Amino acid sequence: MVETQIIDVKKRNTPEYVKEFQRMQQLVFKFNNTMPFTDEANELLTQMLGNRLGAGSRITAPIRLIEPEKITIGKNVLIESNILCMAAGNIVIEDNVEIAADVRLISNNHDFHHRNLLICKQVTLKKNCWIGADASILPGVTLGENAVVGAGAIVTHDVPDNAVVVGNPAKVIKTID
């Protein structure tokens, strides 16, 4: 079971938090406006992700990362353009994952009754999974090893190893041998 963290947005917004949030968003902006796959772009990724970016991984701009310091990316990961990572609840992407364009990884949501509260649950993408274009992975979801998410799917529950899911909400349609 994925641990739930509750964050009171009003209490979180200290001057230190706001300063760090702004610094990270400035790094994201610079990355999105830098010549792709250059030493400068790689340095900006390192500043955002530190040692949480695995060797051989490639991220294509533009990107939208909220709290990139809570994102871990394994080795040989491919992330295409326009990814949105809302990472207040942490996002872990293991080795050899492929993520198509316009994918959303969302690890937080607001409480319906208390909208200042963020309900955060880690999103985990296990080794070798593949996410099709325009899919959304919602808080607390774990995609199993070798799982495939079809384009446009909205994934609200864990996906088993070797499963293919499609639709809204995503449902298993087959298992890969």
Protein backbone atom coordinates (compact mmCIF):
# COMPACT_ATOMS: atom_id res chain seq x y z
CA MET A 1 0.00 0.00 0.00
CA VAL A 2 1.28 3.44 -0.94
CA GLU A 3 1.84 5.85 1.93
CA THR A 4 -0.34 8.96 1.93
CA GLN A 5 1.13 12.31 2.86
CA ILE A 6 -1.08 15.34 3.55
CA ILE A 7 0.41 18.78 2.95
CA ASP A 8 -1.25 22.00 4.10
CA VAL A 9 -0.40 24.34 1.22
CA LYS A 10 -0.81 27.49 3.33
CA LYS A 11 1.62 26.24 5.98
CA ARG A 12 4.06 24.88 3.40
CA ASN A 13 4.47 28.20 1.61
CA THR A 14 7.27 29.53 3.80
CA PRO A 15 9.72 32.04 2.32
CA GLU A 16 12.30 29.23 2.02
CA TYR A 17 9.88 26.94 0.18
CA VAL A 18 8.76 29.71 -2.18
CA LYS A 19 12.38 30.65 -2.93
CA GLU A 20 13.30 27.03 -3.75
CA PHE A 21 10.12 26.53 -5.79
CA GLN A 22 10.92 29.65 -7.84
CA ARG A 23 14.53 28.52 -8.31
CA MET A 24 13.40 25.13 -9.62
CA GLN A 25 10.85 26.69 -11.97
CA GLN A 26 13.54 29.01 -13.32
CA LEU A 27 15.72 25.96 -14.04
CA VAL A 28 12.80 24.29 -15.84
CA PHE A 29 12.29 27.47 -17.89
CA LYS A 30 15.99 27.64 -18.78
CA PHE A 31 16.01 23.95 -19.80
CA ASN A 32 12.98 24.48 -22.03
CA ASN A 33 14.72 27.41 -23.72
CA THR A 34 18.15 25.84 -24.17
CA MET A 35 19.47 24.04 -27.23
CA PRO A 36 18.45 20.39 -26.67
CA PHE A 37 20.97 17.67 -25.80
CA THR A 38 23.85 20.07 -25.19
CA ASP A 39 26.20 20.26 -22.22
CA GLU A 40 24.21 23.29 -21.02
CA ALA A 41 20.90 21.38 -21.15
CA ASN A 42 22.47 18.40 -19.36
CA GLU A 43 23.84 20.69 -16.65
CA LEU A 44 20.37 22.17 -16.08
CA LEU A 45 18.90 18.66 -15.73
CA THR A 46 21.62 17.86 -13.20
CA GLN A 47 20.80 21.02 -11.24
CA MET A 48 17.10 20.02 -11.15
CA LEU A 49 17.49 16.29 -10.51
CA GLY A 50 20.94 15.97 -8.96
CA ASN A 51 22.15 12.39 -8.71
CA ARG A 52 18.57 11.17 -9.20
CA LEU A 53 19.02 11.12 -13.01
CA GLY A 54 20.34 7.77 -14.25
CA ALA A 55 23.04 7.39 -16.87
CA GLY A 56 21.90 7.21 -20.48
CA SER A 57 18.51 8.79 -19.81
CA ARG A 58 17.13 11.31 -22.29
CA ILE A 59 14.51 14.00 -21.65
CA THR A 60 13.11 16.03 -24.56
CA ALA A 61 12.01 19.63 -23.97
CA PRO A 62 9.67 21.20 -23.24
CA ILE A 63 8.93 19.73 -19.83
CA ARG A 64 6.74 20.80 -16.90
CA LEU A 65 8.12 19.65 -13.56
CA ILE A 66 6.55 20.69 -10.27
CA GLU A 67 8.96 19.89 -7.41
CA PRO A 68 11.61 18.14 -9.55
CA GLU A 69 13.64 17.51 -6.40
CA LYS A 70 11.09 14.76 -5.64
CA ILE A 71 11.61 12.94 -8.96
CA THR A 72 13.99 9.99 -9.40
CA ILE A 73 14.79 8.72 -12.91
CA GLY A 74 16.64 5.45 -13.53
CA LYS A 75 19.09 4.48 -16.26
CA ASN A 76 18.28 4.52 -19.98
CA VAL A 77 14.90 6.21 -19.54
CA LEU A 78 13.35 7.97 -22.53
CA ILE A 79 10.97 10.87 -21.83
CA GLU A 80 9.46 12.64 -24.83
CA SER A 81 8.27 16.25 -24.92
CA ASN A 82 5.54 17.92 -22.88
CA ILE A 83 5.67 15.64 -19.86
CA LEU A 84 3.93 17.03 -16.77
CA CYS A 85 5.25 15.74 -13.44
CA MET A 86 3.41 16.97 -10.35
CA ALA A 87 5.75 15.42 -7.82
CA ALA A 88 4.69 16.58 -4.35
CA GLY A 89 4.14 12.91 -3.45
CA ASN A 90 7.32 11.68 -5.20
CA ILE A 91 7.71 10.10 -8.63
CA VAL A 92 10.04 7.14 -9.16
CA ILE A 93 10.86 6.07 -12.71
CA GLU A 94 12.95 2.89 -12.82
CA ASP A 95 15.40 1.77 -15.54
CA ASN A 96 14.51 1.43 -19.24
CA VAL A 97 11.11 3.13 -19.02
CA GLU A 98 9.77 4.83 -22.16
CA ILE A 99 7.33 7.72 -21.87
CA ALA A 100 5.72 9.19 -24.99
CA ALA A 101 4.76 12.83 -25.53
CA ASP A 102 2.13 14.67 -23.49
CA VAL A 103 2.09 12.21 -20.57
CA ARG A 104 1.03 13.35 -17.10
CA LEU A 105 2.46 11.81 -13.91
CA ILE A 106 0.42 13.19 -11.02
CA SER A 107 1.39 12.31 -7.43
CA ASN A 108 -0.87 14.80 -5.68
CA ASN A 109 -4.46 15.96 -5.64
CA HIS A 110 -6.51 18.35 -3.51
CA ASP A 111 -8.91 17.29 -0.77
CA PHE A 112 -12.47 17.92 -1.98
CA HIS A 113 -13.57 19.50 1.30
CA HIS A 114 -10.35 21.27 2.30
CA ARG A 115 -8.78 22.56 -0.89
CA ASN A 116 -5.70 23.87 0.89
CA LEU A 117 -4.73 20.26 1.60
CA LEU A 118 -2.72 18.26 -0.91
CA ILE A 119 -3.21 14.51 -0.73
CA CYS A 120 0.09 13.03 -1.95
CA LYS A 121 0.88 9.44 -2.97
CA GLN A 122 3.98 8.27 -4.78
CA VAL A 123 3.78 7.27 -8.44
CA THR A 124 6.12 4.41 -9.39
CA LEU A 125 6.98 3.23 -12.89
CA LYS A 126 8.73 -0.14 -12.69
CA LYS A 127 11.45 -1.34 -15.07
CA ASN A 128 10.76 -1.53 -18.80
CA CYS A 129 7.25 -0.10 -18.72
CA TRP A 130 6.01 1.95 -21.63
CA ILE A 131 3.46 4.78 -21.51
CA GLY A 132 1.69 5.89 -24.69
CA ALA A 133 1.07 9.50 -25.68
CA ASP A 134 -1.41 11.64 -23.73
CA ALA A 135 -1.83 9.11 -20.89
CA SER A 136 -2.30 10.15 -17.25
CA ILE A 137 -0.96 8.23 -14.26
CA LEU A 138 -2.74 9.34 -11.07
CA PRO A 139 -1.60 9.48 -7.41
CA GLY A 140 -0.58 6.24 -5.74
CA VAL A 141 -0.35 4.20 -8.94
CA THR A 142 2.43 1.69 -9.55
CA LEU A 143 2.97 0.41 -13.08
CA GLY A 144 4.44 -3.09 -12.95
CA GLU A 145 7.50 -4.26 -14.83
CA ASN A 146 7.00 -4.41 -18.62
CA ALA A 147 3.53 -2.87 -18.31
CA VAL A 148 2.15 -0.98 -21.32
CA VAL A 149 -0.25 1.96 -21.01
CA GLY A 150 -2.18 2.78 -24.19
CA ALA A 151 -2.35 6.28 -25.59
CA GLY A 152 -4.88 8.49 -23.83
CA ALA A 153 -5.42 6.08 -20.92
CA ILE A 154 -6.26 7.41 -17.45
CA VAL A 155 -4.61 5.05 -14.95
CA THR A 156 -6.29 5.18 -11.54
CA HIS A 157 -5.14 1.83 -10.06
CA ASP A 158 -1.97 -0.25 -10.02
CA VAL A 159 -1.11 -2.14 -13.21
CA PRO A 160 0.31 -5.67 -12.86
CA ASP A 161 3.62 -6.76 -14.40
CA ASN A 162 3.35 -7.49 -18.15
CA ALA A 163 -0.18 -6.07 -18.44
CA VAL A 164 -1.50 -3.85 -21.24
CA VAL A 165 -4.06 -1.25 -20.12
CA VAL A 166 -6.20 1.15 -22.15
CA GLY A 167 -9.17 3.43 -21.63
CA ASN A 168 -10.68 5.76 -19.06
CA PRO A 169 -10.45 4.44 -16.47
CA ALA A 170 -7.67 2.14 -17.72
CA LYS A 171 -8.46 -1.57 -17.74
CA VAL A 172 -6.27 -4.58 -18.48
CA ILE A 173 -6.95 -5.89 -21.99
CA LYS A 174 -4.17 -8.46 -22.25
CA THR A 175 -1.01 -9.81 -20.70
CA ILE A 176 2.32 -9.91 -22.53
CA ASP A 177 4.14 -13.26 -22.48
